[in-house]
């Protein structure tokens, strides 16, 4: 069953970027990106993050 949450670890964010073919980033860069996110939602299946969306605006 898929559940939704508003938290994402830097490790999971970096991993999701990698698996979709985006530029790899360090966990430090991932944390900075997450910290500067206005809205974040994640989809998790059996406790594993399988998708995420984030919005950035001022």
Protein backbone atom coordinates (compact mmCIF):
# COMPACT_ATOMS: atom_id res chain seq x y z
CA UNK A 1 0.00 0.00 0.00
CA UNK A 2 1.27 3.46 -0.91
CA UNK A 3 1.25 6.12 1.80
CA UNK A 4 2.07 9.81 1.57
CA UNK A 5 4.27 11.94 3.79
CA UNK A 6 5.91 15.35 3.88
CA UNK A 7 9.39 14.23 4.90
CA UNK A 8 12.32 13.12 2.79
CA UNK A 9 15.82 12.19 3.86
CA UNK A 10 18.78 13.64 1.99
CA UNK A 11 19.87 10.09 1.18
CA UNK A 12 16.49 9.24 -0.39
CA UNK A 13 16.43 12.51 -2.34
CA UNK A 14 19.90 11.91 -3.77
CA UNK A 15 18.92 8.33 -4.64
CA UNK A 16 15.70 9.35 -6.42
CA UNK A 17 17.61 11.93 -8.47
CA UNK A 18 20.11 9.26 -9.48
CA UNK A 19 17.56 6.65 -10.55
CA UNK A 20 15.70 9.09 -12.84
CA UNK A 21 18.95 10.11 -14.54
CA UNK A 22 19.39 13.57 -13.06
CA UNK A 23 22.84 14.82 -12.09
CA UNK A 24 24.12 13.13 -8.97
CA UNK A 25 24.49 15.34 -5.92
CA UNK A 26 26.00 14.84 -2.52
CA UNK A 27 23.87 14.28 0.56
CA UNK A 28 24.93 17.75 1.76
CA UNK A 29 23.58 19.30 -1.46
CA UNK A 30 20.42 17.21 -1.15
CA UNK A 31 19.84 18.40 2.41
CA UNK A 32 20.29 22.02 1.34
CA UNK A 33 17.75 21.50 -1.45
CA UNK A 34 15.22 19.91 0.90
CA UNK A 35 15.71 22.67 3.46
CA UNK A 36 14.90 25.26 0.77
CA UNK A 37 11.75 23.49 -0.43
CA UNK A 38 8.43 25.27 0.05
CA UNK A 39 6.22 22.17 -0.24
CA UNK A 40 7.26 18.52 -0.31
CA UNK A 41 5.29 15.30 -0.66
CA UNK A 42 6.63 11.78 -0.84
CA UNK A 43 5.06 8.49 -1.77
CA UNK A 44 6.22 5.48 0.23
CA UNK A 45 5.59 1.80 -0.19
CA UNK A 46 6.42 -0.53 2.68
CA UNK A 47 8.40 2.30 4.27
CA UNK A 48 10.56 2.88 1.16
CA UNK A 49 10.39 6.23 -0.67
CA UNK A 50 9.32 5.53 -4.25
CA UNK A 51 8.47 9.04 -5.48
CA UNK A 52 8.53 12.66 -4.47
CA UNK A 53 7.49 16.10 -5.64
CA UNK A 54 8.72 19.43 -4.38
CA UNK A 55 7.70 23.01 -5.03
CA UNK A 56 9.91 26.03 -4.80
CA UNK A 57 8.58 29.58 -4.69
CA UNK A 58 9.08 32.81 -2.85
